[in-house]
């Protein structure tokens, strides 16, 4: 069978071991730090975990220039611990969930906040606010045998060197094992899936030319520069 056109090449993330990690899907956990949930006008004590998805092609490597997207005047950063899945499974028990992890990375969930909030208020999907080109910057993925399973440690984001987000992984409402177990109830997780585990309080807007750096204790930084809009 002849293809109508050549398929797009897969997105390959980099690992600290020098290997390529083919990205399959991106799952993002919402409001997983209590203080951030409150700053977004929600009560974290009454909410089960929830998540949204992004295309794999939204993943870009640390060091990238991320284009300021169209149709927004409020482009926000969100620092995240990212889980890279290395073994598939469905209905994974929380006690076995960490066995499915290949490794961990720092990451960013860049958001058209004005469009997200508009969609939220109208009860519509968040796709235009969240599933945005170049919106999932990712640092090097560190295998578990190198870094273990981070359960505590500082997660911090700076803009032009100024600290904007500063928290600890112990503040996650739903830790990594619980998040994996929950997502696997709805979808069979597969090798190559990434789970962005949520962001601390302190989210805010960036403009063209600003430098954003995410740090998570024990992992490599994820750094981007906000660039001009994409031009075809």
C-alpha atoms as a PDB file:
ATOM      1  CA  UNK A   1       0.000   0.000   0.000  1.00  0.00           C
ATOM      2  CA  UNK A   2       1.305   3.433  -0.946  1.00  0.00           C
ATOM      3  CA  UNK A   3       1.069   6.149   1.676  1.00  0.00           C
ATOM      4  CA  UNK A   4      -0.568   9.435   0.735  1.00  0.00           C
ATOM      5  CA  UNK A   5       2.293  11.225   2.513  1.00  0.00           C
ATOM      6  CA  UNK A   6       5.228  10.312   4.730  1.00  0.00           C
ATOM      7  CA  UNK A   7       4.257   9.949   8.396  1.00  0.00           C
ATOM      8  CA  UNK A   8       5.655  12.409  10.881  1.00  0.00           C
ATOM      9  CA  UNK A   9       8.802  11.219  12.625  1.00  0.00           C
ATOM     10  CA  UNK A  10       8.267  10.258  16.284  1.00  0.00           C
ATOM     11  CA  UNK A  11       9.221  12.645  19.058  1.00  0.00           C
ATOM     12  CA  UNK A  12      12.413  11.411  20.726  1.00  0.00           C
ATOM     13  CA  UNK A  13      13.334  12.712  24.177  1.00  0.00           C
ATOM     14  CA  UNK A  14      16.902  12.594  25.471  1.00  0.00           C
ATOM     15  CA  UNK A  15      18.056  10.630  28.497  1.00  0.00           C
ATOM     16  CA  UNK A  16      21.027  11.167  30.768  1.00  0.00           C
ATOM     17  CA  UNK A  17      22.332   7.788  29.591  1.00  0.00           C
ATOM     18  CA  UNK A  18      22.588   9.089  26.031  1.00  0.00           C
ATOM     19  CA  UNK A  19      19.715   6.971  24.726  1.00  0.00           C
ATOM     20  CA  UNK A  20      16.635   8.213  22.922  1.00  0.00           C
ATOM     21  CA  UNK A  21      13.240   7.853  24.594  1.00  0.00           C
ATOM     22  CA  UNK A  22      10.382   7.690  22.050  1.00  0.00           C
ATOM     23  CA  UNK A  23       7.472   9.725  23.384  1.00  0.00           C
ATOM     24  CA  UNK A  24       4.068   8.114  22.908  1.00  0.00           C
ATOM     25  CA  UNK A  25       1.566  10.233  24.846  1.00  0.00           C
ATOM     26  CA  UNK A  26       1.571  13.033  27.407  1.00  0.00           C
ATOM     27  CA  UNK A  27      -0.706  12.960  30.459  1.00  0.00           C
ATOM     28  CA  UNK A  28      -0.849  16.035  32.713  1.00  0.00           C
ATOM     29  CA  UNK A  29      -2.192  15.912  36.257  1.00  0.00           C
ATOM     30  CA  UNK A  30      -4.148  18.994  37.266  1.00  0.00           C
ATOM     31  CA  UNK A  31      -4.002  20.873  40.570  1.00  0.00           C
ATOM     32  CA  UNK A  32      -1.785  18.360  42.381  1.00  0.00           C
ATOM     33  CA  UNK A  33      -0.289  20.848  44.858  1.00  0.00           C
ATOM     34  CA  UNK A  34      -2.713  22.279  47.416  1.00  0.00           C
ATOM     35  CA  UNK A  35      -1.444  25.856  47.235  1.00  0.00           C
ATOM     36  CA  UNK A  36      -1.714  25.901  43.434  1.00  0.00           C
ATOM     37  CA  UNK A  37      -5.226  24.472  43.567  1.00  0.00           C
ATOM     38  CA  UNK A  38      -6.202  27.319  45.864  1.00  0.00           C
ATOM     39  CA  UNK A  39      -4.612  29.977  43.655  1.00  0.00           C
ATOM     40  CA  UNK A  40      -6.686  28.580  40.772  1.00  0.00           C
ATOM     41  CA  UNK A  41      -9.852  28.942  42.851  1.00  0.00           C
ATOM     42  CA  UNK A  42     -10.334  25.273  43.733  1.00  0.00           C
ATOM     43  CA  UNK A  43     -10.458  23.307  47.019  1.00  0.00           C
ATOM     44  CA  UNK A  44      -7.807  20.554  46.939  1.00  0.00           C
ATOM     45  CA  UNK A  45      -9.358  18.689  49.845  1.00  0.00           C
ATOM     46  CA  UNK A  46     -12.515  17.883  47.917  1.00  0.00           C
ATOM     47  CA  UNK A  47     -11.157  16.898  44.534  1.00  0.00           C
ATOM     48  CA  UNK A  48     -10.101  13.520  43.188  1.00  0.00           C
ATOM     49  CA  UNK A  49      -7.133  13.645  40.797  1.00  0.00           C
ATOM     50  CA  UNK A  50      -7.877  14.574  37.208  1.00  0.00           C
ATOM     51  CA  UNK A  51      -5.787  14.847  34.091  1.00  0.00           C
ATOM     52  CA  UNK A  52      -5.729  16.090  30.526  1.00  0.00           C
ATOM     53  CA  UNK A  53      -3.650  14.994  27.550  1.00  0.00           C
ATOM     54  CA  UNK A  54      -1.309  16.576  25.042  1.00  0.00           C
ATOM     55  CA  UNK A  55       0.127  15.429  21.758  1.00  0.00           C
ATOM     56  CA  UNK A  56       3.605  13.923  21.881  1.00  0.00           C
ATOM     57  CA  UNK A  57       4.783  16.577  19.423  1.00  0.00           C
ATOM     58  CA  UNK A  58       4.331  19.283  22.085  1.00  0.00           C
ATOM     59  CA  UNK A  59       7.482  17.912  23.785  1.00  0.00           C
ATOM     60  CA  UNK A  60      10.612  19.966  23.060  1.00  0.00           C
ATOM     61  CA  UNK A  61      14.070  19.564  24.609  1.00  0.00           C
ATOM     62  CA  UNK A  62      15.667  21.706  27.266  1.00  0.00           C
ATOM     63  CA  UNK A  63      17.517  24.598  25.669  1.00  0.00           C
ATOM     64  CA  UNK A  64      14.748  25.193  23.143  1.00  0.00           C
ATOM     65  CA  UNK A  65      13.312  28.538  22.167  1.00  0.00           C
ATOM     66  CA  UNK A  66       9.566  28.174  22.693  1.00  0.00           C
ATOM     67  CA  UNK A  67       7.444  30.309  20.420  1.00  0.00           C
ATOM     68  CA  UNK A  68       4.925  32.634  22.055  1.00  0.00           C
ATOM     69  CA  UNK A  69       1.671  31.046  20.852  1.00  0.00           C
ATOM     70  CA  UNK A  70      -1.078  32.715  18.894  1.00  0.00           C
ATOM     71  CA  UNK A  71      -4.461  33.726  20.314  1.00  0.00           C
ATOM     72  CA  UNK A  72      -3.239  34.503  23.839  1.00  0.00           C
ATOM     73  CA  UNK A  73      -2.113  37.468  25.882  1.00  0.00           C
ATOM     74  CA  UNK A  74      -1.423  35.411  29.033  1.00  0.00           C
ATOM     75  CA  UNK A  75       1.161  32.678  28.410  1.00  0.00           C
ATOM     76  CA  UNK A  76       1.958  30.911  31.701  1.00  0.00           C
ATOM     77  CA  UNK A  77       4.745  28.646  32.972  1.00  0.00           C
ATOM     78  CA  UNK A  78       4.113  25.614  35.198  1.00  0.00           C
ATOM     79  CA  UNK A  79       7.088  23.711  36.663  1.00  0.00           C
ATOM     80  CA  UNK A  80       6.607  19.935  36.878  1.00  0.00           C
ATOM     81  CA  UNK A  81       8.224  16.658  37.904  1.00  0.00           C
ATOM     82  CA  UNK A  82       7.786  14.339  34.904  1.00  0.00           C
ATOM     83  CA  UNK A  83       7.484  10.544  35.070  1.00  0.00           C
ATOM     84  CA  UNK A  84       8.624   8.497  32.060  1.00  0.00           C
ATOM     85  CA  UNK A  85       6.843   5.153  31.756  1.00  0.00           C
ATOM     86  CA  UNK A  86       8.993   2.192  30.762  1.00  0.00           C
ATOM     87  CA  UNK A  87       6.621  -0.772  31.226  1.00  0.00           C
ATOM     88  CA  UNK A  88       2.984  -0.877  30.186  1.00  0.00           C
ATOM     89  CA  UNK A  89      -0.017  -1.908  32.201  1.00  0.00           C
ATOM     90  CA  UNK A  90      -3.697  -1.392  32.945  1.00  0.00           C
ATOM     91  CA  UNK A  91      -5.332  -1.089  36.385  1.00  0.00           C
ATOM     92  CA  UNK A  92      -1.917  -0.932  38.000  1.00  0.00           C
ATOM     93  CA  UNK A  93      -1.934  -1.238  41.777  1.00  0.00           C
ATOM     94  CA  UNK A  94      -0.336   1.688  43.595  1.00  0.00           C
ATOM     95  CA  UNK A  95       2.008  -0.726  45.355  1.00  0.00           C
ATOM     96  CA  UNK A  96       3.348  -1.916  41.991  1.00  0.00           C
ATOM     97  CA  UNK A  97       3.206   1.371  40.107  1.00  0.00           C
ATOM     98  CA  UNK A  98       6.834   2.419  40.549  1.00  0.00           C
ATOM     99  CA  UNK A  99       7.929  -0.796  38.803  1.00  0.00           C
ATOM    100  CA  UNK A 100       6.505   0.731  35.615  1.00  0.00           C
ATOM    101  CA  UNK A 101       8.716   3.839  35.741  1.00  0.00           C
ATOM    102  CA  UNK A 102      11.734   4.172  33.433  1.00  0.00           C
ATOM    103  CA  UNK A 103      12.875   7.453  34.906  1.00  0.00           C
ATOM    104  CA  UNK A 104      12.205  11.063  35.851  1.00  0.00           C
ATOM    105  CA  UNK A 105      12.775  14.524  34.378  1.00  0.00           C
ATOM    106  CA  UNK A 106      12.048  18.180  34.975  1.00  0.00           C
ATOM    107  CA  UNK A 107       9.480  19.725  32.686  1.00  0.00           C
ATOM    108  CA  UNK A 108       7.164  22.610  31.899  1.00  0.00           C
ATOM    109  CA  UNK A 109       3.471  22.713  31.105  1.00  0.00           C
ATOM    110  CA  UNK A 110       3.185  25.986  29.181  1.00  0.00           C
ATOM    111  CA  UNK A 111      -0.378  27.255  29.089  1.00  0.00           C
ATOM    112  CA  UNK A 112      -2.529  29.782  27.260  1.00  0.00           C
ATOM    113  CA  UNK A 113      -4.098  30.710  30.598  1.00  0.00           C
ATOM    114  CA  UNK A 114      -6.728  33.077  29.252  1.00  0.00           C
ATOM    115  CA  UNK A 115      -8.054  30.406  26.898  1.00  0.00           C
ATOM    116  CA  UNK A 116      -7.924  27.737  29.595  1.00  0.00           C
ATOM    117  CA  UNK A 117      -9.915  29.838  32.058  1.00  0.00           C
ATOM    118  CA  UNK A 118     -12.446  30.814  29.409  1.00  0.00           C
ATOM    119  CA  UNK A 119     -12.959  27.142  28.546  1.00  0.00           C
ATOM    120  CA  UNK A 120     -13.229  26.215  32.216  1.00  0.00           C
ATOM    121  CA  UNK A 121     -15.901  28.812  32.877  1.00  0.00           C
ATOM    122  CA  UNK A 122     -17.920  27.590  29.884  1.00  0.00           C
ATOM    123  CA  UNK A 123     -17.490  23.918  30.763  1.00  0.00           C
ATOM    124  CA  UNK A 124     -15.565  23.247  27.560  1.00  0.00           C
ATOM    125  CA  UNK A 125     -12.420  21.138  26.963  1.00  0.00           C
ATOM    126  CA  UNK A 126      -9.053  22.733  27.736  1.00  0.00           C
ATOM    127  CA  UNK A 127      -7.349  21.800  24.456  1.00  0.00           C
ATOM    128  CA  UNK A 128      -6.793  25.323  23.143  1.00  0.00           C
ATOM    129  CA  UNK A 129      -5.330  26.393  26.486  1.00  0.00           C
ATOM    130  CA  UNK A 130      -3.143  23.369  27.156  1.00  0.00           C
ATOM    131  CA  UNK A 131      -2.475  21.289  24.020  1.00  0.00           C
ATOM    132  CA  UNK A 132      -0.314  23.985  22.469  1.00  0.00           C
ATOM    133  CA  UNK A 133       2.647  23.683  20.097  1.00  0.00           C
ATOM    134  CA  UNK A 134       5.982  23.430  21.970  1.00  0.00           C
ATOM    135  CA  UNK A 135       4.139  23.564  25.299  1.00  0.00           C
ATOM    136  CA  UNK A 136       5.793  20.559  27.005  1.00  0.00           C
ATOM    137  CA  UNK A 137       9.517  21.362  27.376  1.00  0.00           C
ATOM    138  CA  UNK A 138      11.407  18.443  28.907  1.00  0.00           C
ATOM    139  CA  UNK A 139      14.775  18.074  30.580  1.00  0.00           C
ATOM    140  CA  UNK A 140      16.961  14.977  30.355  1.00  0.00           C
ATOM    141  CA  UNK A 141      15.202  11.827  31.529  1.00  0.00           C
ATOM    142  CA  UNK A 142      17.218  10.181  34.312  1.00  0.00           C
ATOM    143  CA  UNK A 143      16.723   6.393  34.648  1.00  0.00           C
ATOM    144  CA  UNK A 144      15.511   5.044  37.987  1.00  0.00           C
ATOM    145  CA  UNK A 145      18.763   3.144  38.523  1.00  0.00           C
ATOM    146  CA  UNK A 146      20.538   6.511  38.477  1.00  0.00           C
ATOM    147  CA  UNK A 147      18.234   8.665  40.630  1.00  0.00           C
ATOM    148  CA  UNK A 148      15.821   6.303  42.368  1.00  0.00           C
ATOM    149  CA  UNK A 149      12.248   7.492  42.903  1.00  0.00           C
ATOM    150  CA  UNK A 150      12.184  11.162  44.004  1.00  0.00           C
ATOM    151  CA  UNK A 151       9.738  11.561  46.876  1.00  0.00           C
ATOM    152  CA  UNK A 152      11.164  14.712  48.451  1.00  0.00           C
ATOM    153  CA  UNK A 153      13.287  17.631  47.344  1.00  0.00           C
ATOM    154  CA  UNK A 154      12.989  21.141  46.049  1.00  0.00           C
ATOM    155  CA  UNK A 155      11.102  21.988  42.879  1.00  0.00           C
ATOM    156  CA  UNK A 156      11.784  25.543  41.748  1.00  0.00           C
ATOM    157  CA  UNK A 157      11.241  27.784  38.745  1.00  0.00           C
ATOM    158  CA  UNK A 158      12.981  31.031  37.903  1.00  0.00           C
ATOM    159  CA  UNK A 159      12.256  33.661  35.275  1.00  0.00           C
ATOM    160  CA  UNK A 160      15.338  35.685  34.327  1.00  0.00           C
ATOM    161  CA  UNK A 161      16.935  34.408  37.535  1.00  0.00           C
ATOM    162  CA  UNK A 162      14.072  35.484  39.814  1.00  0.00           C
ATOM    163  CA  UNK A 163      12.394  32.698  41.814  1.00  0.00           C
ATOM    164  CA  UNK A 164       8.700  32.397  40.930  1.00  0.00           C
ATOM    165  CA  UNK A 165       7.824  28.868  42.107  1.00  0.00           C
ATOM    166  CA  UNK A 166       9.431  27.186  45.113  1.00  0.00           C
ATOM    167  CA  UNK A 167       8.046  24.050  46.768  1.00  0.00           C
ATOM    168  CA  UNK A 168       8.916  20.483  47.734  1.00  0.00           C
ATOM    169  CA  UNK A 169       7.880  17.198  46.131  1.00  0.00           C
ATOM    170  CA  UNK A 170       6.482  16.120  49.497  1.00  0.00           C
ATOM    171  CA  UNK A 171       3.687  18.625  48.861  1.00  0.00           C
ATOM    172  CA  UNK A 172       2.198  16.554  46.020  1.00  0.00           C
ATOM    173  CA  UNK A 173      -1.401  15.727  46.924  1.00  0.00           C
ATOM    174  CA  UNK A 174      -1.268  12.541  44.849  1.00  0.00           C
ATOM    175  CA  UNK A 175       2.266  11.062  44.765  1.00  0.00           C
ATOM    176  CA  UNK A 176       3.705   9.368  41.696  1.00  0.00           C
ATOM    177  CA  UNK A 177       2.520   5.833  42.525  1.00  0.00           C
ATOM    178  CA  UNK A 178      -1.055   6.999  43.064  1.00  0.00           C
ATOM    179  CA  UNK A 179      -1.019   9.050  39.876  1.00  0.00           C
ATOM    180  CA  UNK A 180       0.158   6.087  37.790  1.00  0.00           C
ATOM    181  CA  UNK A 181      -2.478   3.837  39.360  1.00  0.00           C
ATOM    182  CA  UNK A 182      -5.213   6.382  38.700  1.00  0.00           C
ATOM    183  CA  UNK A 183      -4.369   7.092  35.050  1.00  0.00           C
ATOM    184  CA  UNK A 184      -4.062   3.354  34.333  1.00  0.00           C
ATOM    185  CA  UNK A 185      -7.694   2.885  35.353  1.00  0.00           C
ATOM    186  CA  UNK A 186      -8.747   4.887  32.286  1.00  0.00           C
ATOM    187  CA  UNK A 187      -6.033   4.001  29.753  1.00  0.00           C
ATOM    188  CA  UNK A 188      -3.524   1.221  29.383  1.00  0.00           C
ATOM    189  CA  UNK A 189      -0.198   2.947  29.998  1.00  0.00           C
ATOM    190  CA  UNK A 190       2.528   2.083  27.514  1.00  0.00           C
ATOM    191  CA  UNK A 191       6.307   2.536  27.312  1.00  0.00           C
ATOM    192  CA  UNK A 192       6.987   6.058  26.081  1.00  0.00           C
ATOM    193  CA  UNK A 193       4.130   7.694  27.961  1.00  0.00           C
ATOM    194  CA  UNK A 194       5.013  10.785  29.998  1.00  0.00           C
ATOM    195  CA  UNK A 195       3.102  11.922  33.081  1.00  0.00           C
ATOM    196  CA  UNK A 196       3.512  15.557  34.124  1.00  0.00           C
ATOM    197  CA  UNK A 197       2.641  15.365  37.820  1.00  0.00           C
ATOM    198  CA  UNK A 198       1.356  18.892  38.527  1.00  0.00           C
ATOM    199  CA  UNK A 199       2.729  22.300  39.405  1.00  0.00           C
ATOM    200  CA  UNK A 200       3.239  24.205  42.680  1.00  0.00           C
ATOM    201  CA  UNK A 201       1.822  27.632  43.456  1.00  0.00           C
ATOM    202  CA  UNK A 202       3.320  30.699  41.831  1.00  0.00           C
ATOM    203  CA  UNK A 203       2.337  30.263  38.196  1.00  0.00           C
ATOM    204  CA  UNK A 204       2.510  33.386  36.107  1.00  0.00           C
ATOM    205  CA  UNK A 205       2.917  34.937  32.703  1.00  0.00           C
ATOM    206  CA  UNK A 206       6.030  35.275  30.561  1.00  0.00           C
ATOM    207  CA  UNK A 207       6.786  37.452  27.576  1.00  0.00           C
ATOM    208  CA  UNK A 208       9.065  37.168  24.578  1.00  0.00           C
ATOM    209  CA  UNK A 209      12.754  37.173  25.468  1.00  0.00           C
ATOM    210  CA  UNK A 210      12.411  35.833  29.015  1.00  0.00           C
ATOM    211  CA  UNK A 211      14.423  32.827  30.225  1.00  0.00           C
ATOM    212  CA  UNK A 212      12.664  30.139  32.269  1.00  0.00           C
ATOM    213  CA  UNK A 213      14.520  27.467  34.260  1.00  0.00           C
ATOM    214  CA  UNK A 214      12.969  24.574  36.199  1.00  0.00           C
ATOM    215  CA  UNK A 215      15.014  22.738  38.816  1.00  0.00           C
ATOM    216  CA  UNK A 216      14.101  19.544  40.664  1.00  0.00           C
ATOM    217  CA  UNK A 217      16.469  18.159  43.289  1.00  0.00           C
ATOM    218  CA  UNK A 218      18.591  15.343  41.860  1.00  0.00           C
ATOM    219  CA  UNK A 219      17.598  15.948  38.221  1.00  0.00           C
ATOM    220  CA  UNK A 220      18.909  18.047  35.356  1.00  0.00           C
ATOM    221  CA  UNK A 221      17.350  21.468  34.813  1.00  0.00           C
ATOM    222  CA  UNK A 222      14.865  22.235  32.070  1.00  0.00           C
ATOM    223  CA  UNK A 223      15.579  25.639  30.536  1.00  0.00           C
ATOM    224  CA  UNK A 224      13.808  27.506  27.745  1.00  0.00           C
ATOM    225  CA  UNK A 225      13.705  30.961  26.212  1.00  0.00           C
ATOM    226  CA  UNK A 226      10.393  32.460  25.144  1.00  0.00           C
ATOM    227  CA  UNK A 227      10.669  33.395  21.506  1.00  0.00           C
ATOM    228  CA  UNK A 228       8.580  35.194  18.900  1.00  0.00           C
ATOM    229  CA  UNK A 229       5.457  33.572  17.409  1.00  0.00           C
ATOM    230  CA  UNK A 230       5.897  30.773  14.895  1.00  0.00           C
ATOM    231  CA  UNK A 231       5.998  31.870  11.279  1.00  0.00           C
ATOM    232  CA  UNK A 232       5.376  29.327   8.521  1.00  0.00           C
END
